[in-house]
Amino acid sequence: METKYKTQEEQIEFLKKHESQMTEYVKSYSEKIKTVTYVWDTIDSGVVGNGTPMGAGVVIDVHGYVNNDSKLDFSIAVNSKLESVDTFEPEQDIYFLSDLSNLAVLKEGE
């Protein structure tokens, strides 16, 4: 299973088209998240597993960090079939891939 976005440039263009939704999703983790920075050269794509040989689809993932602190890093995946921002469903079309223990400090006191 492949994404229609073959090159890294096409994948970056796709993610930048959905950057505001991605940022909104990351910020929803904690009200203490003020800025979100994406590391565009970390983009990768892959099949999402669902227990079947075909998988559940292809996602494009990217790493980033929050509040201008590279120690507060994360990785998210975005459904590569996402066409419209109107059909954007958090936890279905976008979700965290990484362990968020390094962001747990941002949850303290909320």
C-alpha atoms as a PDB file:
ATOM      1  CA  MET A   1       0.000   0.000   0.000  1.00  0.00           C
ATOM      2  CA  GLU A   2       1.437   3.363  -0.980  1.00  0.00           C
ATOM      3  CA  THR A   3       0.620   6.998  -0.556  1.00  0.00           C
ATOM      4  CA  LYS A   4      -0.044   9.095  -3.626  1.00  0.00           C
ATOM      5  CA  TYR A   5       2.613  11.492  -2.315  1.00  0.00           C
ATOM      6  CA  LYS A   6       5.744   9.739  -3.589  1.00  0.00           C
ATOM      7  CA  THR A   7       8.470  12.277  -2.883  1.00  0.00           C
ATOM      8  CA  GLN A   8       9.400  13.934   0.373  1.00  0.00           C
ATOM      9  CA  GLU A   9       8.579  17.290  -1.228  1.00  0.00           C
ATOM     10  CA  GLU A  10       5.039  16.102  -2.038  1.00  0.00           C
ATOM     11  CA  GLN A  11       4.651  14.771   1.500  1.00  0.00           C
ATOM     12  CA  ILE A  12       5.824  18.080   2.991  1.00  0.00           C
ATOM     13  CA  GLU A  13       3.403  19.975   0.751  1.00  0.00           C
ATOM     14  CA  PHE A  14       0.574  17.691   1.890  1.00  0.00           C
ATOM     15  CA  LEU A  15       1.414  18.183   5.582  1.00  0.00           C
ATOM     16  CA  LYS A  16       1.837  21.945   5.216  1.00  0.00           C
ATOM     17  CA  LYS A  17      -1.653  22.075   3.703  1.00  0.00           C
ATOM     18  CA  HIS A  18      -2.896  20.580   6.994  1.00  0.00           C
ATOM     19  CA  GLU A  19      -0.415  22.357   9.269  1.00  0.00           C
ATOM     20  CA  SER A  20      -3.020  24.416  11.130  1.00  0.00           C
ATOM     21  CA  GLN A  21      -5.037  21.279  11.962  1.00  0.00           C
ATOM     22  CA  MET A  22      -1.865  19.467  13.029  1.00  0.00           C
ATOM     23  CA  THR A  23      -0.880  22.371  15.272  1.00  0.00           C
ATOM     24  CA  GLU A  24      -4.351  22.565  16.772  1.00  0.00           C
ATOM     25  CA  TYR A  25      -4.195  18.844  17.539  1.00  0.00           C
ATOM     26  CA  VAL A  26      -0.764  19.084  19.198  1.00  0.00           C
ATOM     27  CA  LYS A  27      -1.841  22.117  21.230  1.00  0.00           C
ATOM     28  CA  SER A  28      -4.922  20.216  22.414  1.00  0.00           C
ATOM     29  CA  TYR A  29      -2.591  18.020  24.475  1.00  0.00           C
ATOM     30  CA  SER A  30      -1.935  20.836  26.949  1.00  0.00           C
ATOM     31  CA  GLU A  31      -2.970  24.451  27.350  1.00  0.00           C
ATOM     32  CA  LYS A  32       0.692  25.142  28.192  1.00  0.00           C
ATOM     33  CA  ILE A  33       1.736  24.469  24.588  1.00  0.00           C
ATOM     34  CA  LYS A  34       2.176  27.879  23.011  1.00  0.00           C
ATOM     35  CA  THR A  35       4.266  27.097  19.923  1.00  0.00           C
ATOM     36  CA  VAL A  36       4.670  24.037  17.722  1.00  0.00           C
ATOM     37  CA  THR A  37       7.671  23.536  15.448  1.00  0.00           C
ATOM     38  CA  TYR A  38       7.853  20.787  12.833  1.00  0.00           C
ATOM     39  CA  VAL A  39      11.130  19.271  11.657  1.00  0.00           C
ATOM     40  CA  TRP A  40      10.191  18.853   8.005  1.00  0.00           C
ATOM     41  CA  ASP A  41      13.213  16.751   7.043  1.00  0.00           C
ATOM     42  CA  THR A  42      12.041  13.952   9.391  1.00  0.00           C
ATOM     43  CA  ILE A  43       9.036  13.043   7.241  1.00  0.00           C
ATOM     44  CA  ASP A  44       8.388   9.380   6.557  1.00  0.00           C
ATOM     45  CA  SER A  45       5.427   7.318   5.395  1.00  0.00           C
ATOM     46  CA  GLY A  46       4.227   3.844   6.217  1.00  0.00           C
ATOM     47  CA  VAL A  47       1.324   1.445   6.433  1.00  0.00           C
ATOM     48  CA  VAL A  48      -0.778   1.521   9.586  1.00  0.00           C
ATOM     49  CA  GLY A  49      -1.388  -1.928  11.001  1.00  0.00           C
ATOM     50  CA  ASN A  50      -4.844  -3.246  11.814  1.00  0.00           C
ATOM     51  CA  GLY A  51      -4.214  -6.979  11.941  1.00  0.00           C
ATOM     52  CA  THR A  52      -4.787  -7.616   8.241  1.00  0.00           C
ATOM     53  CA  PRO A  53      -2.088  -8.101   5.598  1.00  0.00           C
ATOM     54  CA  MET A  54      -3.276  -4.968   3.741  1.00  0.00           C
ATOM     55  CA  GLY A  55      -3.165  -2.726   6.788  1.00  0.00           C
ATOM     56  CA  ALA A  56      -5.500   0.156   7.534  1.00  0.00           C
ATOM     57  CA  GLY A  57      -3.966   2.742   5.235  1.00  0.00           C
ATOM     58  CA  VAL A  58      -0.912   4.886   4.778  1.00  0.00           C
ATOM     59  CA  VAL A  59       0.144   7.686   7.086  1.00  0.00           C
ATOM     60  CA  ILE A  60       2.771  10.378   6.760  1.00  0.00           C
ATOM     61  CA  ASP A  61       4.579  11.119   9.976  1.00  0.00           C
ATOM     62  CA  VAL A  62       6.673  14.050  11.099  1.00  0.00           C
ATOM     63  CA  HIS A  63       8.597  14.921  14.232  1.00  0.00           C
ATOM     64  CA  GLY A  64       8.450  18.227  16.018  1.00  0.00           C
ATOM     65  CA  TYR A  65       8.754  19.971  19.351  1.00  0.00           C
ATOM     66  CA  VAL A  66       6.825  22.489  21.398  1.00  0.00           C
ATOM     67  CA  ASN A  67       7.529  25.804  23.121  1.00  0.00           C
ATOM     68  CA  ASN A  68      10.866  26.201  21.312  1.00  0.00           C
ATOM     69  CA  ASP A  69      12.363  23.358  23.389  1.00  0.00           C
ATOM     70  CA  SER A  70      13.738  20.421  21.393  1.00  0.00           C
ATOM     71  CA  LYS A  71      13.554  18.258  24.554  1.00  0.00           C
ATOM     72  CA  LEU A  72       9.750  18.569  24.366  1.00  0.00           C
ATOM     73  CA  ASP A  73       9.547  16.535  21.181  1.00  0.00           C
ATOM     74  CA  PHE A  74       6.779  14.468  19.632  1.00  0.00           C
ATOM     75  CA  SER A  75       5.906  12.555  16.507  1.00  0.00           C
ATOM     76  CA  ILE A  76       2.508  12.587  14.809  1.00  0.00           C
ATOM     77  CA  ALA A  77       0.974  10.666  11.926  1.00  0.00           C
ATOM     78  CA  VAL A  78      -1.510  12.063   9.422  1.00  0.00           C
ATOM     79  CA  ASN A  79      -3.767   9.954   7.201  1.00  0.00           C
ATOM     80  CA  SER A  80      -2.394  10.342   3.670  1.00  0.00           C
ATOM     81  CA  LYS A  81      -5.913  10.081   2.197  1.00  0.00           C
ATOM     82  CA  LEU A  82      -7.083  13.176   4.041  1.00  0.00           C
ATOM     83  CA  GLU A  83      -8.501  15.420   1.339  1.00  0.00           C
ATOM     84  CA  SER A  84     -10.334  18.201   3.107  1.00  0.00           C
ATOM     85  CA  VAL A  85      -9.892  20.059   6.356  1.00  0.00           C
ATOM     86  CA  ASP A  86     -13.664  19.757   6.750  1.00  0.00           C
ATOM     87  CA  THR A  87     -13.396  15.978   7.217  1.00  0.00           C
ATOM     88  CA  PHE A  88     -10.507  16.125   9.663  1.00  0.00           C
ATOM     89  CA  GLU A  89     -11.087  13.737  12.606  1.00  0.00           C
ATOM     90  CA  PRO A  90      -8.605  13.830  15.517  1.00  0.00           C
ATOM     91  CA  GLU A  91      -7.472  10.350  16.647  1.00  0.00           C
ATOM     92  CA  GLN A  92      -8.577   8.977  13.273  1.00  0.00           C
ATOM     93  CA  ASP A  93      -6.902  11.233  10.705  1.00  0.00           C
ATOM     94  CA  ILE A  94      -4.143  12.398  13.044  1.00  0.00           C
ATOM     95  CA  TYR A  95      -2.617  10.936  16.169  1.00  0.00           C
ATOM     96  CA  PHE A  96       0.550  10.927  18.237  1.00  0.00           C
ATOM     97  CA  LEU A  97       3.067   8.204  17.398  1.00  0.00           C
ATOM     98  CA  SER A  98       5.569   8.928  20.121  1.00  0.00           C
ATOM     99  CA  ASP A  99       5.573   8.306  23.827  1.00  0.00           C
ATOM    100  CA  LEU A 100       4.453  11.598  25.347  1.00  0.00           C
ATOM    101  CA  SER A 101       6.226  11.192  28.679  1.00  0.00           C
ATOM    102  CA  ASN A 102       8.550  14.068  27.777  1.00  0.00           C
ATOM    103  CA  LEU A 103       5.485  16.311  27.389  1.00  0.00           C
ATOM    104  CA  ALA A 104       3.948  15.152  30.685  1.00  0.00           C
ATOM    105  CA  VAL A 105       5.550  18.105  32.480  1.00  0.00           C
ATOM    106  CA  LEU A 106       3.176  20.318  30.482  1.00  0.00           C
ATOM    107  CA  LYS A 107       0.158  18.509  31.933  1.00  0.00           C
ATOM    108  CA  GLU A 108       1.189  19.156  35.535  1.00  0.00           C
ATOM    109  CA  GLY A 109      -1.043  21.652  37.257  1.00  0.00           C
ATOM    110  CA  GLU A 110      -3.724  21.722  34.566  1.00  0.00           C
END
